């Protein structure tokens, strides 16, 4: 996994990140947006435009939001 969308996205789903993603790897879920780890190329364009600063490199996800790494993985296992 390259980038993960965390709690600040819940209920917001601004979609600026989808608009700038060059590989269209960001998908809408019921409560937030998710980045497909198999499609993401790690360009960081999404993180740069997120108005709520919800997108982090997997290695930099704040401790209180680490569970979003697994939540993101599970979304794409469906």
PDB file of N, CA and C in Angstrom:
ATOM      1  N   UNK A   1       0.846  -1.183   0.000  1.00  0.00           N
ATOM      2  CA  UNK A   1       0.000   0.000   0.000  1.00  0.00           C
ATOM      3  C   UNK A   1       0.886   1.240   0.000  1.00  0.00           C
ATOM      4  N   UNK A   2       0.466   2.235  -0.716  1.00  0.00           N
ATOM      5  CA  UNK A   2       1.254   3.451  -0.801  1.00  0.00           C
ATOM      6  C   UNK A   2       0.632   4.562   0.059  1.00  0.00           C
ATOM      7  N   UNK A   3      -0.553   4.997  -0.273  1.00  0.00           N
ATOM      8  CA  UNK A   3      -1.222   6.063   0.479  1.00  0.00           C
ATOM      9  C   UNK A   3      -2.516   5.548   1.082  1.00  0.00           C
ATOM     10  N   UNK A   4      -2.894   6.136   2.230  1.00  0.00           N
ATOM     11  CA  UNK A   4      -4.078   5.722   2.972  1.00  0.00           C
ATOM     12  C   UNK A   4      -4.896   6.969   3.307  1.00  0.00           C
ATOM     13  N   UNK A   5      -6.212   6.855   3.145  1.00  0.00           N
ATOM     14  CA  UNK A   5      -7.107   7.948   3.519  1.00  0.00           C
ATOM     15  C   UNK A   5      -7.640   7.645   4.910  1.00  0.00           C
ATOM     16  N   UNK A   6      -7.507   8.614   5.816  1.00  0.00           N
ATOM     17  CA  UNK A   6      -7.836   8.405   7.222  1.00  0.00           C
ATOM     18  C   UNK A   6      -9.073   9.182   7.661  1.00  0.00           C
ATOM     19  N   UNK A   7      -9.304   9.214   8.957  1.00  0.00           N
ATOM     20  CA  UNK A   7     -10.521   9.732   9.579  1.00  0.00           C
ATOM     21  C   UNK A   7     -11.020  11.093   9.104  1.00  0.00           C
ATOM     22  N   UNK A   8     -10.171  12.080   8.836  1.00  0.00           N
ATOM     23  CA  UNK A   8     -10.714  13.380   8.425  1.00  0.00           C
ATOM     24  C   UNK A   8     -11.603  13.322   7.182  1.00  0.00           C
ATOM     25  N   UNK A   9     -11.501  12.264   6.393  1.00  0.00           N
ATOM     26  CA  UNK A   9     -12.330  12.118   5.194  1.00  0.00           C
ATOM     27  C   UNK A   9     -13.755  11.665   5.519  1.00  0.00           C
ATOM     28  N   UNK A  10     -13.950  11.042   6.676  1.00  0.00           N
ATOM     29  CA  UNK A  10     -15.260  10.506   7.042  1.00  0.00           C
ATOM     30  C   UNK A  10     -16.315  11.607   6.956  1.00  0.00           C
ATOM     31  N   UNK A  11     -17.327  11.357   6.144  1.00  0.00           N
ATOM     32  CA  UNK A  11     -18.417  12.308   5.992  1.00  0.00           C
ATOM     33  C   UNK A  11     -18.123  13.490   5.089  1.00  0.00           C
ATOM     34  N   UNK A  12     -16.881  13.655   4.662  1.00  0.00           N
ATOM     35  CA  UNK A  12     -16.512  14.802   3.819  1.00  0.00           C
ATOM     36  C   UNK A  12     -16.503  14.402   2.345  1.00  0.00           C
ATOM     37  N   UNK A  13     -15.690  13.421   2.021  1.00  0.00           N
ATOM     38  CA  UNK A  13     -15.561  12.913   0.653  1.00  0.00           C
ATOM     39  C   UNK A  13     -15.506  14.048  -0.383  1.00  0.00           C
ATOM     40  N   UNK A  14     -14.569  14.936  -0.222  1.00  0.00           N
ATOM     41  CA  UNK A  14     -14.410  16.109  -1.094  1.00  0.00           C
ATOM     42  C   UNK A  14     -14.177  15.742  -2.557  1.00  0.00           C
ATOM     43  N   UNK A  15     -13.475  14.698  -2.829  1.00  0.00           N
ATOM     44  CA  UNK A  15     -13.182  14.165  -4.158  1.00  0.00           C
ATOM     45  C   UNK A  15     -12.157  14.958  -4.970  1.00  0.00           C
ATOM     46  N   UNK A  16     -11.526  15.955  -4.373  1.00  0.00           N
ATOM     47  CA  UNK A  16     -10.428  16.652  -5.060  1.00  0.00           C
ATOM     48  C   UNK A  16      -9.332  15.652  -5.395  1.00  0.00           C
ATOM     49  N   UNK A  17      -9.136  14.685  -4.498  1.00  0.00           N
ATOM     50  CA  UNK A  17      -8.103  13.680  -4.704  1.00  0.00           C
ATOM     51  C   UNK A  17      -8.398  12.828  -5.941  1.00  0.00           C
ATOM     52  N   UNK A  18      -9.654  12.480  -6.154  1.00  0.00           N
ATOM     53  CA  UNK A  18     -10.034  11.692  -7.329  1.00  0.00           C
ATOM     54  C   UNK A  18      -9.735  12.462  -8.614  1.00  0.00           C
ATOM     55  N   UNK A  19      -9.991  13.754  -8.587  1.00  0.00           N
ATOM     56  CA  UNK A  19      -9.814  14.583  -9.780  1.00  0.00           C
ATOM     57  C   UNK A  19      -8.362  14.668 -10.233  1.00  0.00           C
ATOM     58  N   UNK A  20      -7.420  14.615  -9.289  1.00  0.00           N
ATOM     59  CA  UNK A  20      -6.004  14.763  -9.666  1.00  0.00           C
ATOM     60  C   UNK A  20      -5.260  13.442  -9.808  1.00  0.00           C
ATOM     61  N   UNK A  21      -5.875  12.349  -9.411  1.00  0.00           N
ATOM     62  CA  UNK A  21      -5.195  11.052  -9.469  1.00  0.00           C
ATOM     63  C   UNK A  21      -4.956  10.636 -10.921  1.00  0.00           C
ATOM     64  N   UNK A  22      -3.695  10.459 -11.315  1.00  0.00           N
ATOM     65  CA  UNK A  22      -3.395  10.120 -12.710  1.00  0.00           C
ATOM     66  C   UNK A  22      -3.742   8.689 -13.100  1.00  0.00           C
ATOM     67  N   UNK A  23      -3.983   7.814 -12.109  1.00  0.00           N
ATOM     68  CA  UNK A  23      -4.302   6.417 -12.427  1.00  0.00           C
ATOM     69  C   UNK A  23      -5.696   6.003 -11.952  1.00  0.00           C
ATOM     70  N   UNK A  24      -6.496   6.960 -11.512  1.00  0.00           N
ATOM     71  CA  UNK A  24      -7.873   6.687 -11.074  1.00  0.00           C
ATOM     72  C   UNK A  24      -7.964   5.537 -10.069  1.00  0.00           C
ATOM     73  N   UNK A  25      -7.167   5.606  -9.018  1.00  0.00           N
ATOM     74  CA  UNK A  25      -7.145   4.524  -8.030  1.00  0.00           C
ATOM     75  C   UNK A  25      -7.909   4.853  -6.755  1.00  0.00           C
ATOM     76  N   UNK A  26      -8.678   5.946  -6.743  1.00  0.00           N
ATOM     77  CA  UNK A  26      -9.424   6.349  -5.554  1.00  0.00           C
ATOM     78  C   UNK A  26     -10.907   6.069  -5.780  1.00  0.00           C
ATOM     79  N   UNK A  27     -11.484   5.311  -4.838  1.00  0.00           N
ATOM     80  CA  UNK A  27     -12.859   4.845  -4.969  1.00  0.00           C
ATOM     81  C   UNK A  27     -13.698   5.320  -3.798  1.00  0.00           C
ATOM     82  N   UNK A  28     -14.987   5.510  -4.050  1.00  0.00           N
ATOM     83  CA  UNK A  28     -15.890   5.979  -3.010  1.00  0.00           C
ATOM     84  C   UNK A  28     -16.527   4.812  -2.268  1.00  0.00           C
ATOM     85  N   UNK A  29     -16.429   4.870  -0.949  1.00  0.00           N
ATOM     86  CA  UNK A  29     -17.092   3.906  -0.093  1.00  0.00           C
ATOM     87  C   UNK A  29     -18.279   4.579   0.565  1.00  0.00           C
ATOM     88  N   UNK A  30     -18.931   3.863   1.450  1.00  0.00           N
ATOM     89  CA  UNK A  30     -20.116   4.408   2.103  1.00  0.00           C
ATOM     90  C   UNK A  30     -19.816   5.645   2.943  1.00  0.00           C
ATOM     91  N   UNK A  31     -18.707   5.610   3.690  1.00  0.00           N
ATOM     92  CA  UNK A  31     -18.416   6.710   4.604  1.00  0.00           C
ATOM     93  C   UNK A  31     -17.183   7.535   4.246  1.00  0.00           C
ATOM     94  N   UNK A  32     -16.361   7.050   3.321  1.00  0.00           N
ATOM     95  CA  UNK A  32     -15.143   7.763   2.963  1.00  0.00           C
ATOM     96  C   UNK A  32     -14.637   7.292   1.605  1.00  0.00           C
ATOM     97  N   UNK A  33     -13.539   7.878   1.160  1.00  0.00           N
ATOM     98  CA  UNK A  33     -12.881   7.456  -0.069  1.00  0.00           C
ATOM     99  C   UNK A  33     -11.744   6.508   0.292  1.00  0.00           C
ATOM    100  N   UNK A  34     -11.379   5.643  -0.664  1.00  0.00           N
ATOM    101  CA  UNK A  34     -10.327   4.652  -0.433  1.00  0.00           C
ATOM    102  C   UNK A  34      -9.368   4.628  -1.609  1.00  0.00           C
ATOM    103  N   UNK A  35      -8.099   4.361  -1.329  1.00  0.00           N
ATOM    104  CA  UNK A  35      -7.069   4.259  -2.365  1.00  0.00           C
ATOM    105  C   UNK A  35      -6.735   2.787  -2.585  1.00  0.00           C
ATOM    106  N   UNK A  36      -6.861   2.336  -3.828  1.00  0.00           N
ATOM    107  CA  UNK A  36      -6.557   0.949  -4.147  1.00  0.00           C
ATOM    108  C   UNK A  36      -5.040   0.758  -4.097  1.00  0.00           C
ATOM    109  N   UNK A  37      -4.556  -0.084  -3.176  1.00  0.00           N
ATOM    110  CA  UNK A  37      -3.107  -0.254  -3.014  1.00  0.00           C
ATOM    111  C   UNK A  37      -2.430  -0.919  -4.212  1.00  0.00           C
ATOM    112  N   UNK A  38      -3.193  -1.667  -5.000  1.00  0.00           N
ATOM    113  CA  UNK A  38      -2.613  -2.324  -6.169  1.00  0.00           C
ATOM    114  C   UNK A  38      -2.520  -1.400  -7.380  1.00  0.00           C
ATOM    115  N   UNK A  39      -3.240  -0.299  -7.340  1.00  0.00           N
ATOM    116  CA  UNK A  39      -3.261   0.642  -8.461  1.00  0.00           C
ATOM    117  C   UNK A  39      -2.471   1.921  -8.198  1.00  0.00           C
ATOM    118  N   UNK A  40      -2.316   2.286  -6.931  1.00  0.00           N
ATOM    119  CA  UNK A  40      -1.633   3.535  -6.560  1.00  0.00           C
ATOM    120  C   UNK A  40      -0.162   3.494  -6.991  1.00  0.00           C
ATOM    121  N   UNK A  41       0.295   4.580  -7.599  1.00  0.00           N
ATOM    122  CA  UNK A  41       1.695   4.662  -8.037  1.00  0.00           C
ATOM    123  C   UNK A  41       2.547   5.506  -7.094  1.00  0.00           C
ATOM    124  N   UNK A  42       1.947   6.022  -6.023  1.00  0.00           N
ATOM    125  CA  UNK A  42       2.694   6.764  -5.017  1.00  0.00           C
ATOM    126  C   UNK A  42       3.128   8.155  -5.430  1.00  0.00           C
ATOM    127  N   UNK A  43       2.367   8.794  -6.306  1.00  0.00           N
ATOM    128  CA  UNK A  43       2.772  10.114  -6.810  1.00  0.00           C
ATOM    129  C   UNK A  43       2.522  11.239  -5.814  1.00  0.00           C
ATOM    130  N   UNK A  44       1.660  11.038  -4.840  1.00  0.00           N
ATOM    131  CA  UNK A  44       1.287  11.983  -3.777  1.00  0.00           C
ATOM    132  C   UNK A  44       0.436  13.158  -4.244  1.00  0.00           C
ATOM    133  N   UNK A  45      -0.049  13.137  -5.470  1.00  0.00           N
ATOM    134  CA  UNK A  45      -0.903  14.224  -5.961  1.00  0.00           C
ATOM    135  C   UNK A  45      -2.153  14.356  -5.093  1.00  0.00           C
ATOM    136  N   UNK A  46      -2.701  13.231  -4.671  1.00  0.00           N
ATOM    137  CA  UNK A  46      -3.918  13.241  -3.857  1.00  0.00           C
ATOM    138  C   UNK A  46      -3.692  13.926  -2.514  1.00  0.00           C
ATOM    139  N   UNK A  47      -2.602  13.595  -1.868  1.00  0.00           N
ATOM    140  CA  UNK A  47      -2.301  14.162  -0.555  1.00  0.00           C
ATOM    141  C   UNK A  47      -2.129  15.674  -0.627  1.00  0.00           C
ATOM    142  N   UNK A  48      -1.565  16.141  -1.720  1.00  0.00           N
ATOM    143  CA  UNK A  48      -1.305  17.571  -1.877  1.00  0.00           C
ATOM    144  C   UNK A  48      -2.586  18.395  -1.978  1.00  0.00           C
ATOM    145  N   UNK A  49      -3.667  17.810  -2.489  1.00  0.00           N
ATOM    146  CA  UNK A  49      -4.897  18.581  -2.690  1.00  0.00           C
ATOM    147  C   UNK A  49      -5.989  18.304  -1.661  1.00  0.00           C
ATOM    148  N   UNK A  50      -5.788  17.357  -0.779  1.00  0.00           N
ATOM    149  CA  UNK A  50      -6.826  17.001   0.191  1.00  0.00           C
ATOM    150  C   UNK A  50      -7.085  18.186   1.134  1.00  0.00           C
ATOM    151  N   UNK A  51      -8.310  18.733   1.127  1.00  0.00           N
ATOM    152  CA  UNK A  51      -8.592  19.916   1.943  1.00  0.00           C
ATOM    153  C   UNK A  51      -8.667  19.632   3.442  1.00  0.00           C
ATOM    154  N   UNK A  52      -8.816  18.366   3.828  1.00  0.00           N
ATOM    155  CA  UNK A  52      -8.896  18.031   5.252  1.00  0.00           C
ATOM    156  C   UNK A  52      -7.666  17.276   5.745  1.00  0.00           C
ATOM    157  N   UNK A  53      -6.641  17.179   4.901  1.00  0.00           N
ATOM    158  CA  UNK A  53      -5.385  16.512   5.238  1.00  0.00           C
ATOM    159  C   UNK A  53      -5.616  15.100   5.788  1.00  0.00           C
ATOM    160  N   UNK A  54      -6.359  14.311   5.017  1.00  0.00           N
ATOM    161  CA  UNK A  54      -6.702  12.957   5.435  1.00  0.00           C
ATOM    162  C   UNK A  54      -5.816  11.892   4.808  1.00  0.00           C
ATOM    163  N   UNK A  55      -4.957  12.258   3.859  1.00  0.00           N
ATOM    164  CA  UNK A  55      -4.194  11.267   3.106  1.00  0.00           C
ATOM    165  C   UNK A  55      -2.732  11.254   3.552  1.00  0.00           C
ATOM    166  N   UNK A  56      -2.283  10.041   3.897  1.00  0.00           N
ATOM    167  CA  UNK A  56      -0.922   9.866   4.397  1.00  0.00           C
ATOM    168  C   UNK A  56      -0.229   8.709   3.692  1.00  0.00           C
ATOM    169  N   UNK A  57       1.083   8.844   3.564  1.00  0.00           N
ATOM    170  CA  UNK A  57       1.900   7.711   3.168  1.00  0.00           C
ATOM    171  C   UNK A  57       1.702   6.658   4.259  1.00  0.00           C
ATOM    172  N   UNK A  58       1.606   5.407   3.873  1.00  0.00           N
ATOM    173  CA  UNK A  58       1.352   4.339   4.841  1.00  0.00           C
ATOM    174  C   UNK A  58       2.321   4.375   6.023  1.00  0.00           C
ATOM    175  N   UNK A  59       3.559   4.720   5.776  1.00  0.00           N
ATOM    176  CA  UNK A  59       4.568   4.764   6.842  1.00  0.00           C
ATOM    177  C   UNK A  59       4.440   5.990   7.740  1.00  0.00           C
ATOM    178  N   UNK A  60       3.590   6.944   7.358  1.00  0.00           N
ATOM    179  CA  UNK A  60       3.451   8.182   8.120  1.00  0.00           C
ATOM    180  C   UNK A  60       2.058   8.384   8.711  1.00  0.00           C
ATOM    181  N   UNK A  61       1.223   7.360   8.658  1.00  0.00           N
ATOM    182  CA  UNK A  61      -0.115   7.470   9.238  1.00  0.00           C
ATOM    183  C   UNK A  61       0.023   7.698  10.743  1.00  0.00           C
ATOM    184  N   UNK A  62      -0.648   8.739  11.280  1.00  0.00           N
ATOM    185  CA  UNK A  62      -0.582   8.991  12.719  1.00  0.00           C
ATOM    186  C   UNK A  62      -1.065   7.777  13.517  1.00  0.00           C
ATOM    187  N   UNK A  63      -0.478   7.576  14.669  1.00  0.00           N
ATOM    188  CA  UNK A  63      -0.766   6.398  15.492  1.00  0.00           C
ATOM    189  C   UNK A  63      -2.273   6.191  15.710  1.00  0.00           C
ATOM    190  N   UNK A  64      -3.002   7.262  16.006  1.00  0.00           N
ATOM    191  CA  UNK A  64      -4.429   7.129  16.301  1.00  0.00           C
ATOM    192  C   UNK A  64      -5.255   6.688  15.094  1.00  0.00           C
ATOM    193  N   UNK A  65      -4.662   6.708  13.887  1.00  0.00           N
ATOM    194  CA  UNK A  65      -5.382   6.330  12.669  1.00  0.00           C
ATOM    195  C   UNK A  65      -4.781   5.104  11.986  1.00  0.00           C
ATOM    196  N   UNK A  66      -3.892   4.397  12.654  1.00  0.00           N
ATOM    197  CA  UNK A  66      -3.249   3.216  12.054  1.00  0.00           C
ATOM    198  C   UNK A  66      -4.263   2.177  11.587  1.00  0.00           C
ATOM    199  N   UNK A  67      -5.399   2.069  12.267  1.00  0.00           N
ATOM    200  CA  UNK A  67      -6.408   1.072  11.884  1.00  0.00           C
ATOM    201  C   UNK A  67      -7.003   1.347  10.499  1.00  0.00           C
ATOM    202  N   UNK A  68      -6.817   2.552   9.974  1.00  0.00           N
ATOM    203  CA  UNK A  68      -7.309   2.866   8.622  1.00  0.00           C
ATOM    204  C   UNK A  68      -6.498   2.136   7.545  1.00  0.00           C
ATOM    205  N   UNK A  69      -5.304   1.722   7.859  1.00  0.00           N
ATOM    206  CA  UNK A  69      -4.509   0.939   6.908  1.00  0.00           C
ATOM    207  C   UNK A  69      -5.223  -0.379   6.630  1.00  0.00           C
ATOM    208  N   UNK A  70      -5.650  -1.040   7.689  1.00  0.00           N
ATOM    209  CA  UNK A  70      -6.368  -2.308   7.540  1.00  0.00           C
ATOM    210  C   UNK A  70      -7.759  -2.086   6.953  1.00  0.00           C
ATOM    211  N   UNK A  71      -8.423  -1.021   7.354  1.00  0.00           N
ATOM    212  CA  UNK A  71      -9.761  -0.708   6.812  1.00  0.00           C
ATOM    213  C   UNK A  71      -9.675  -0.537   5.300  1.00  0.00           C
ATOM    214  N   UNK A  72      -8.626   0.131   4.830  1.00  0.00           N
ATOM    215  CA  UNK A  72      -8.437   0.343   3.403  1.00  0.00           C
ATOM    216  C   UNK A  72      -8.215  -0.999   2.688  1.00  0.00           C
ATOM    217  N   UNK A  73      -7.366  -1.844   3.248  1.00  0.00           N
ATOM    218  CA  UNK A  73      -7.123  -3.147   2.641  1.00  0.00           C
ATOM    219  C   UNK A  73      -8.405  -3.970   2.516  1.00  0.00           C
ATOM    220  N   UNK A  74      -9.180  -3.981   3.598  1.00  0.00           N
ATOM    221  CA  UNK A  74     -10.418  -4.763   3.617  1.00  0.00           C
ATOM    222  C   UNK A  74     -11.428  -4.263   2.587  1.00  0.00           C
ATOM    223  N   UNK A  75     -11.460  -2.969   2.344  1.00  0.00           N
ATOM    224  CA  UNK A  75     -12.392  -2.415   1.364  1.00  0.00           C
ATOM    225  C   UNK A  75     -12.176  -3.039  -0.008  1.00  0.00           C
ATOM    226  N   UNK A  76     -10.929  -3.292  -0.354  1.00  0.00           N
ATOM    227  CA  UNK A  76     -10.629  -3.841  -1.674  1.00  0.00           C
ATOM    228  C   UNK A  76     -10.619  -5.364  -1.719  1.00  0.00           C
ATOM    229  N   UNK A  77     -10.860  -6.014  -0.592  1.00  0.00           N
ATOM    230  CA  UNK A  77     -10.954  -7.473  -0.560  1.00  0.00           C
ATOM    231  C   UNK A  77     -12.380  -7.946  -0.834  1.00  0.00           C
ATOM    232  N   UNK A  78     -13.319  -7.038  -0.875  1.00  0.00           N
ATOM    233  CA  UNK A  78     -14.732  -7.387  -1.064  1.00  0.00           C
ATOM    234  C   UNK A  78     -15.000  -7.952  -2.442  1.00  0.00           C
TER     235      UNK A  78
END
